[in-house]
Amino acid sequence: MRILILGGDGYLGWPQALYLSEKGHDITIFDNLSRRHFDLERGFNSLIPLQTLHERIAVWKALMGKQIHMRIGDVMDYEALAAIFQELQPDAVVHFAEQRSAPYSMIDRKHAVFTQTNNVVGTLNVLYAIKEFAPACHLVKLGTMGEYGTPNIDIEEGFIEIHHKGRSDILPYPKQPGSFYHLSKVHDSHNIMFCCKIWGLRATDLNQGIVYGFETAETALDTRLATRFDYDQIYGTALNRFCVQAVAGSPLTVYGQGQQIRGYINLMDTIRCIELAIMSPPKESEYRVFNQITEQFSLNELAEMVVEQSKHFGLEAQIKFFPNPRVEQEQHYYNATHTRLIELGLEPHLLSETVLASMLAFAIAQRSSINQQVILPTVNWRDAQNEVTP
């Protein structure tokens, strides 16, 4: 298949491109490299040294004899986006090209506006490009479980059957987003569903949980093919942060009471889920939603797992409860349905002692590169631009 990957230089996009290329698909990456620019702005770095996109593609071709095509461009530039759709005529487009951080979206007005403009308008541009130039193309869009929030009922996969005053209907599941970033994803979902209905497009919206892991079968072939390992306060996930803090000898900073529960998924399962969606496309005019998670944990559970596993490396990690910079429920019910990808063939890689050990071992190997100054949160949901005091 001809597959266009928007945002193919990112944490998820790059290993996705390698995986699908290895499977024999014709892959083209479209990326504006903005994620790299943010690191340069803030003095952040992935704990894994990253090669340039050009170097990555050259290494892949030298190792595997497979060519990944590349275009440097922005989904906000409709002319450039239209040109790649006209030229490529993709069978499927995988859309990762969004600002993906909740803390980033809450820094201040400028970052909130950028997040919503880039994500919502960028996705609308993609929808128009599909309509105009590749109407049979299947859009596989990365959404987020954060669209749902933490309701006091089970979370279904995109839709819920409602019985009200003697009548019934199947409606989109109610959304309770927790940041300007999550709000942008809700707007995306509404726009995609609307365009499927009025234009006959076909789309899969993957509401993904928090991804962990830094290696796939393809990135492990050569260190120059590595994807990101973010641990900073803006893009780093809690599990990455805990592993790095344990290795650096700093307390594991658990926000609030630590009872917040979220869905999680291994990086290897993420790229497999995308493949499963691509290879089982929806019908014309169909908008479908899959919850892309395999497990759910509280922050306390994750921190305790890291503390326990770190003992095998001679580390004495401690947990420290930190004032929560976010506005969120800290004690809540959470049970998310996630069966549709399993039904398509997903065989999950669950978070285990082996996985945690590999993450800790990697952090130990990169210990000299850890910058502890970028870990503690300074972005406060309640008052943008006011720092959180430890």
Protein backbone atom coordinates (compact mmCIF):
# COMPACT_ATOMS: atom_id res chain seq x y z
CA MET A 1 0.00 0.00 0.00
CA ARG A 2 1.00 3.62 -0.50
CA ILE A 3 0.97 5.09 3.00
CA LEU A 4 1.54 8.74 3.90
CA ILE A 5 2.70 9.35 7.48
CA LEU A 6 2.14 12.90 8.67
CA GLY A 7 4.53 13.64 11.52
CA GLY A 8 6.76 10.71 10.60
CA ASP A 9 9.83 12.15 12.35
CA GLY A 10 8.26 11.99 15.83
CA TYR A 11 8.36 9.58 18.76
CA LEU A 12 5.58 7.44 17.28
CA GLY A 13 5.79 8.42 13.63
CA TRP A 14 9.37 7.29 13.06
CA PRO A 15 9.08 3.71 14.39
CA GLN A 16 5.72 3.50 12.59
CA ALA A 17 7.41 4.38 9.30
CA LEU A 18 10.11 1.76 9.85
CA TYR A 19 7.61 -0.93 10.83
CA LEU A 20 5.36 -0.39 7.82
CA SER A 21 8.36 -0.10 5.47
CA GLU A 22 9.69 -3.40 6.75
CA LYS A 23 6.28 -4.92 5.98
CA GLY A 24 6.74 -3.93 2.34
CA HIS A 25 4.56 -0.82 2.12
CA ASP A 26 5.55 2.28 0.13
CA ILE A 27 6.11 4.89 2.85
CA THR A 28 6.31 8.67 2.56
CA ILE A 29 6.96 10.91 5.57
CA PHE A 30 5.61 14.48 5.68
CA ASP A 31 6.97 16.47 8.63
CA ASN A 32 7.91 20.07 9.47
CA LEU A 33 10.47 19.03 12.16
CA SER A 34 8.79 21.32 14.73
CA ARG A 35 9.24 18.82 17.56
CA ARG A 36 13.01 19.14 17.18
CA HIS A 37 12.74 22.93 17.16
CA PHE A 38 10.98 22.94 20.53
CA ASP A 39 13.91 21.08 22.10
CA LEU A 40 16.28 23.68 20.68
CA GLU A 41 14.11 26.49 22.07
CA ARG A 42 13.92 25.06 25.60
CA GLY A 43 17.29 23.31 25.90
CA PHE A 44 15.57 19.93 26.14
CA ASN A 45 16.92 16.69 24.72
CA SER A 46 15.73 13.16 24.22
CA LEU A 47 17.71 10.86 26.49
CA ILE A 48 18.45 8.87 23.33
CA PRO A 49 20.66 10.86 20.93
CA LEU A 50 18.70 11.42 17.71
CA GLN A 51 20.02 11.48 14.17
CA THR A 52 18.54 13.88 11.62
CA LEU A 53 15.63 12.59 9.57
CA HIS A 54 17.86 12.51 6.49
CA GLU A 55 20.43 10.39 8.31
CA ARG A 56 17.78 8.04 9.70
CA ILE A 57 16.36 7.37 6.23
CA ALA A 58 19.84 6.82 4.77
CA VAL A 59 20.69 4.30 7.52
CA TRP A 60 17.44 2.42 6.92
CA LYS A 61 18.12 2.18 3.18
CA ALA A 62 21.70 1.01 3.78
CA LEU A 63 20.62 -1.64 6.29
CA MET A 64 17.42 -2.90 4.70
CA GLY A 65 17.58 -1.81 1.08
CA LYS A 66 14.22 -0.09 1.52
CA GLN A 67 13.52 3.52 0.61
CA ILE A 68 11.39 5.75 2.84
CA HIS A 69 10.45 8.91 0.96
CA MET A 70 10.49 12.27 2.71
CA ARG A 71 8.91 15.67 2.26
CA ILE A 72 9.57 18.56 4.62
CA GLY A 73 6.28 20.38 4.97
CA ASP A 74 3.55 21.59 7.31
CA VAL A 75 -0.08 20.49 7.51
CA MET A 76 -0.90 24.18 7.98
CA ASP A 77 0.40 24.80 4.43
CA TYR A 78 -2.53 23.54 2.40
CA GLU A 79 -0.80 23.94 -0.96
CA ALA A 80 2.11 21.73 0.15
CA LEU A 81 -0.29 19.20 1.69
CA ALA A 82 -2.47 19.15 -1.43
CA ALA A 83 0.59 18.61 -3.61
CA ILE A 84 1.71 15.51 -1.70
CA PHE A 85 -1.80 14.01 -1.86
CA GLN A 86 -2.02 14.70 -5.60
CA GLU A 87 1.42 13.23 -6.23
CA LEU A 88 1.21 10.21 -3.95
CA GLN A 89 -2.47 9.22 -4.17
CA PRO A 90 -2.15 7.38 -0.82
CA ASP A 91 -4.25 4.37 0.07
CA ALA A 92 -3.98 5.37 3.74
CA VAL A 93 -2.74 8.39 5.66
CA VAL A 94 -1.58 8.10 9.27
CA HIS A 95 -1.94 11.44 11.03
CA PHE A 96 0.56 12.06 13.84
CA ALA A 97 1.27 15.69 12.86
CA GLU A 98 -0.09 17.46 15.92
CA GLN A 99 1.24 19.22 18.98
CA ARG A 100 0.87 16.32 21.42
CA SER A 101 1.59 17.71 24.89
CA ALA A 102 -1.03 18.80 27.44
CA PRO A 103 1.50 20.82 29.51
CA TYR A 104 2.69 22.61 26.35
CA SER A 105 -0.87 23.67 25.59
CA MET A 106 -1.25 25.13 29.11
CA ILE A 107 1.95 27.22 29.19
CA ASP A 108 0.20 30.46 28.15
CA ARG A 109 -2.17 31.93 25.56
CA LYS A 110 0.38 31.69 22.75
CA HIS A 111 0.94 27.97 23.25
CA ALA A 112 -2.78 27.26 23.70
CA VAL A 113 -3.61 29.09 20.46
CA PHE A 114 -0.81 27.33 18.58
CA THR A 115 -1.95 23.92 19.82
CA GLN A 116 -5.56 24.43 18.80
CA THR A 117 -4.77 26.13 15.49
CA ASN A 118 -2.14 23.60 14.45
CA ASN A 119 -4.17 20.57 15.51
CA VAL A 120 -7.70 21.57 14.51
CA VAL A 121 -6.96 23.54 11.34
CA GLY A 122 -4.18 21.15 10.33
CA THR A 123 -6.56 18.19 10.58
CA LEU A 124 -9.23 20.12 8.67
CA ASN A 125 -6.65 20.69 5.91
CA VAL A 126 -5.97 16.95 5.83
CA LEU A 127 -9.69 16.22 5.51
CA TYR A 128 -10.04 18.66 2.61
CA ALA A 129 -6.96 17.22 0.88
CA ILE A 130 -8.44 13.72 1.11
CA LYS A 131 -11.80 14.94 -0.20
CA GLU A 132 -10.27 16.83 -3.12
CA PHE A 133 -7.46 14.53 -4.22
CA ALA A 134 -7.76 11.04 -2.67
CA PRO A 135 -11.38 10.43 -1.64
CA ALA A 136 -10.89 6.66 -1.24
CA CYS A 137 -7.95 7.18 1.15
CA HIS A 138 -8.41 5.83 4.69
CA LEU A 139 -7.56 8.38 7.39
CA VAL A 140 -6.03 6.80 10.50
CA LYS A 141 -5.97 9.58 13.07
CA LEU A 142 -4.24 9.44 16.45
CA GLY A 143 -6.65 10.66 19.09
CA THR A 144 -6.35 10.38 22.86
CA MET A 145 -8.11 8.72 25.78
CA GLY A 146 -7.91 12.15 27.38
CA GLU A 147 -10.94 13.17 25.32
CA TYR A 148 -13.13 11.16 27.69
CA GLY A 149 -11.82 12.48 30.99
CA THR A 150 -12.66 10.40 34.06
CA PRO A 151 -16.44 9.79 34.06
CA ASN A 152 -18.11 7.81 36.82
CA ILE A 153 -19.29 5.18 34.32
CA ASP A 154 -17.44 2.77 32.02
CA ILE A 155 -15.77 4.39 29.00
CA GLU A 156 -17.01 2.84 25.76
CA GLU A 157 -15.23 2.89 22.40
CA GLY A 158 -16.33 6.17 20.92
CA PHE A 159 -20.10 5.75 21.20
CA ILE A 160 -22.65 4.98 23.89
CA GLU A 161 -26.28 3.80 23.78
CA ILE A 162 -28.52 6.28 25.57
CA HIS A 163 -32.04 5.59 26.86
CA HIS A 164 -33.90 8.79 27.63
CA LYS A 165 -37.62 9.37 28.27
CA GLY A 166 -38.66 6.21 26.50
CA ARG A 167 -36.42 6.66 23.46
CA SER A 168 -32.96 5.29 22.60
CA ASP A 169 -30.07 6.36 20.40
CA ILE A 170 -26.38 5.61 19.91
CA LEU A 171 -24.45 8.84 20.40
CA PRO A 172 -20.81 9.93 20.60
CA TYR A 173 -19.51 9.24 24.10
CA PRO A 174 -19.55 12.45 26.23
CA LYS A 175 -16.22 14.27 26.26
CA GLN A 176 -14.58 15.84 29.32
CA PRO A 177 -11.14 16.97 28.10
CA GLY A 178 -8.58 18.15 30.63
CA SER A 179 -6.42 20.65 28.70
CA PHE A 180 -6.39 22.82 25.58
CA TYR A 181 -4.52 19.96 23.90
CA HIS A 182 -7.23 17.43 24.77
CA LEU A 183 -9.86 19.93 23.65
CA SER A 184 -8.16 20.14 20.25
CA LYS A 185 -8.47 16.37 19.92
CA VAL A 186 -12.20 16.56 20.70
CA HIS A 187 -12.64 19.18 17.97
CA ASP A 188 -10.70 16.91 15.58
CA SER A 189 -13.00 14.01 16.34
CA HIS A 190 -16.10 16.08 15.65
CA ASN A 191 -14.69 17.40 12.37
CA ILE A 192 -13.64 13.94 11.18
CA MET A 193 -17.02 12.41 12.02
CA PHE A 194 -18.80 15.27 10.24
CA CYS A 195 -16.66 14.93 7.10
CA CYS A 196 -17.22 11.19 6.93
CA LYS A 197 -20.96 11.85 7.04
CA ILE A 198 -21.14 14.63 4.46
CA TRP A 199 -18.34 13.64 2.07
CA GLY A 200 -18.35 9.86 2.34
CA LEU A 201 -14.81 9.68 3.74
CA ARG A 202 -13.61 6.72 5.80
CA ALA A 203 -11.70 7.24 9.05
CA THR A 204 -10.43 5.44 12.12
CA ASP A 205 -9.98 7.56 15.25
CA LEU A 206 -7.56 5.86 17.64
CA ASN A 207 -8.06 7.13 21.18
CA GLN A 208 -4.67 6.22 22.51
CA GLY A 209 -3.52 5.94 26.10
CA ILE A 210 -0.09 6.90 27.39
CA VAL A 211 2.67 5.18 25.43
CA TYR A 212 5.75 3.74 27.11
CA GLY A 213 8.83 2.07 25.68
CA PHE A 214 11.60 3.31 23.46
CA GLU A 215 12.50 0.40 21.24
CA THR A 216 10.96 -1.72 18.49
CA ALA A 217 12.38 -4.55 16.42
CA GLU A 218 13.30 -2.02 13.73
CA THR A 219 14.81 0.74 15.89
CA ALA A 220 16.90 -1.90 17.69
CA LEU A 221 18.73 -2.75 14.45
CA ASP A 222 21.01 0.29 14.75
CA THR A 223 21.39 3.03 17.37
CA ARG A 224 21.05 5.59 14.58
CA LEU A 225 17.45 4.45 14.06
CA ALA A 226 16.43 5.21 17.65
CA THR A 227 13.23 7.06 18.50
CA ARG A 228 12.76 9.52 21.36
CA PHE A 229 12.93 8.99 25.11
CA ASP A 230 11.44 12.14 26.65
CA TYR A 231 11.53 12.70 30.41
CA ASP A 232 11.13 16.48 30.70
CA GLN A 233 8.14 18.25 32.25
CA ILE A 234 6.54 19.11 28.89
CA TYR A 235 6.80 15.97 26.77
CA GLY A 236 8.01 13.33 29.23
CA THR A 237 5.50 10.79 30.53
CA ALA A 238 5.27 9.86 34.21
CA LEU A 239 6.84 6.42 33.71
CA ASN A 240 9.83 7.83 31.83
CA ARG A 241 10.22 10.52 34.47
CA PHE A 242 10.11 8.01 37.32
CA CYS A 243 12.78 5.81 35.70
CA VAL A 244 15.09 8.76 35.10
CA GLN A 245 14.57 10.15 38.61
CA ALA A 246 15.32 6.75 40.14
CA VAL A 247 18.59 6.56 38.22
CA ALA A 248 19.51 10.18 38.96
CA GLY A 249 18.98 9.68 42.71
CA SER A 250 16.06 12.12 42.86
CA PRO A 251 12.69 11.43 44.48
CA LEU A 252 9.99 10.16 42.13
CA THR A 253 7.60 13.13 41.86
CA VAL A 254 4.01 11.87 42.08
CA TYR A 255 1.52 14.66 41.38
CA GLY A 256 -1.17 15.14 44.01
CA GLN A 257 -2.35 12.00 45.80
CA GLY A 258 -1.16 9.75 42.99
CA GLN A 259 -4.48 7.97 42.63
CA GLN A 260 -5.12 9.29 39.11
CA ILE A 261 -5.71 6.31 36.79
CA ARG A 262 -4.94 6.30 33.07
CA GLY A 263 -4.70 3.79 30.22
CA TYR A 264 -1.27 2.70 28.98
CA ILE A 265 0.13 0.93 25.92
CA ASN A 266 3.54 -0.35 24.83
CA LEU A 267 5.19 1.37 21.85
CA MET A 268 5.34 -1.96 20.01
CA ASP A 269 1.59 -2.35 20.39
CA THR A 270 0.95 1.19 19.18
CA ILE A 271 2.60 0.56 15.83
CA ARG A 272 0.82 -2.78 15.53
CA CYS A 273 -2.54 -1.12 16.23
CA ILE A 274 -1.97 1.34 13.38
CA GLU A 275 -1.21 -1.56 11.05
CA LEU A 276 -4.33 -3.43 12.14
CA ALA A 277 -6.46 -0.35 11.48
CA ILE A 278 -4.91 0.16 8.03
CA MET A 279 -5.34 -3.45 6.98
CA SER A 280 -9.00 -3.56 8.08
CA PRO A 281 -10.38 -0.30 6.70
CA PRO A 282 -13.86 1.03 7.44
CA LYS A 283 -16.59 1.28 4.85
CA GLU A 284 -17.27 4.42 2.86
CA SER A 285 -18.79 7.14 5.09
CA GLU A 286 -17.82 5.18 8.21
CA TYR A 287 -16.26 6.91 11.19
CA ARG A 288 -15.09 4.42 13.81
CA VAL A 289 -13.31 4.78 17.14
CA PHE A 290 -10.95 2.32 18.83
CA ASN A 291 -9.63 2.77 22.37
CA GLN A 292 -5.94 2.08 21.96
CA ILE A 293 -4.86 0.92 25.42
CA THR A 294 -3.92 -2.43 26.92
CA GLU A 295 -3.70 -1.74 30.68
CA GLN A 296 -4.54 0.90 33.24
CA PHE A 297 -2.53 2.03 36.27
CA SER A 298 -2.56 4.76 38.89
CA LEU A 299 0.47 7.02 39.33
CA ASN A 300 1.12 5.37 42.69
CA GLU A 301 1.15 1.92 41.11
CA LEU A 302 3.65 3.02 38.48
CA ALA A 303 5.91 4.71 41.03
CA GLU A 304 5.86 1.69 43.33
CA MET A 305 6.72 -0.61 40.42
CA VAL A 306 9.72 1.56 39.51
CA VAL A 307 10.88 1.70 43.16
CA GLU A 308 10.69 -2.08 43.47
CA GLN A 309 12.43 -2.77 40.16
CA SER A 310 15.16 -0.19 40.82
CA LYS A 311 16.30 -2.21 43.83
CA HIS A 312 17.67 -4.84 41.42
CA PHE A 313 20.07 -2.18 40.14
CA GLY A 314 21.24 -1.16 43.60
CA LEU A 315 19.17 2.03 43.53
CA GLU A 316 17.28 3.40 46.54
CA ALA A 317 14.45 5.26 44.89
CA GLN A 318 12.01 7.21 47.06
CA ILE A 319 8.55 8.57 46.28
CA LYS A 320 7.73 12.24 46.90
CA PHE A 321 4.21 13.64 46.59
CA PHE A 322 4.25 16.91 44.68
CA PRO A 323 1.57 19.64 44.48
CA ASN A 324 -0.53 18.78 41.45
CA PRO A 325 -0.05 21.41 38.72
CA ARG A 326 -3.06 20.04 36.84
CA VAL A 327 -6.78 20.47 37.46
CA GLU A 328 -8.06 16.90 37.57
CA GLN A 329 -9.90 14.44 39.77
CA GLU A 330 -7.40 12.59 41.93
CA GLN A 331 -9.82 9.95 43.21
CA HIS A 332 -12.10 8.58 40.55
CA TYR A 333 -13.60 5.55 38.85
CA TYR A 334 -11.87 4.44 35.65
CA ASN A 335 -12.76 1.48 33.47
CA ALA A 336 -12.20 1.83 29.73
CA THR A 337 -13.40 -0.71 27.18
CA HIS A 338 -10.68 -1.72 24.73
CA THR A 339 -11.77 -4.78 22.79
CA ARG A 340 -11.96 -3.80 19.12
CA LEU A 341 -8.22 -3.91 18.42
CA ILE A 342 -7.94 -7.21 20.29
CA GLU A 343 -10.69 -8.52 18.01
CA LEU A 344 -8.63 -7.42 14.99
CA GLY A 345 -5.64 -9.43 16.24
CA LEU A 346 -3.65 -7.33 18.71
CA GLU A 347 -1.58 -9.48 21.10
CA PRO A 348 -0.57 -7.01 23.83
CA HIS A 349 2.90 -6.58 25.28
CA LEU A 350 2.09 -5.77 28.90
CA LEU A 351 4.13 -3.70 31.33
CA SER A 352 6.33 -6.22 33.13
CA GLU A 353 9.43 -6.37 35.29
CA THR A 354 11.40 -7.09 32.12
CA VAL A 355 10.15 -3.94 30.40
CA LEU A 356 10.81 -1.79 33.46
CA ALA A 357 14.27 -3.33 33.82
CA SER A 358 15.10 -2.44 30.22
CA MET A 359 13.95 1.16 30.76
CA LEU A 360 16.01 1.49 33.94
CA ALA A 361 19.05 -0.13 32.34
CA PHE A 362 18.83 2.29 29.44
CA ALA A 363 18.54 5.28 31.79
CA ILE A 364 21.59 4.04 33.71
CA ALA A 365 23.57 3.78 30.46
CA GLN A 366 22.61 7.39 29.65
CA ARG A 367 22.97 8.70 33.20
CA SER A 368 25.58 11.32 32.27
CA SER A 369 23.10 12.91 29.83
CA ILE A 370 20.28 13.39 32.36
CA ASN A 371 19.37 17.04 32.92
CA GLN A 372 17.47 17.22 36.20
CA GLN A 373 16.67 20.90 35.64
CA VAL A 374 14.00 20.04 33.03
CA ILE A 375 12.02 17.51 35.09
CA LEU A 376 10.06 19.39 37.77
CA PRO A 377 6.85 21.04 36.51
CA THR A 378 6.61 24.79 36.05
CA VAL A 379 3.36 24.89 34.06
CA ASN A 380 0.31 25.50 36.26
CA TRP A 381 -3.15 24.73 34.86
CA ARG A 382 -4.77 27.22 37.24
CA ASP A 383 -2.63 30.19 36.32
CA ALA A 384 -0.65 30.09 33.08
CA GLN A 385 2.93 31.40 33.36
CA ASN A 386 2.97 31.07 37.16
CA GLU A 387 5.46 28.49 38.34
CA VAL A 388 4.51 25.60 40.58
CA THR A 389 6.38 25.71 43.88
CA PRO A 390 7.81 22.36 45.06
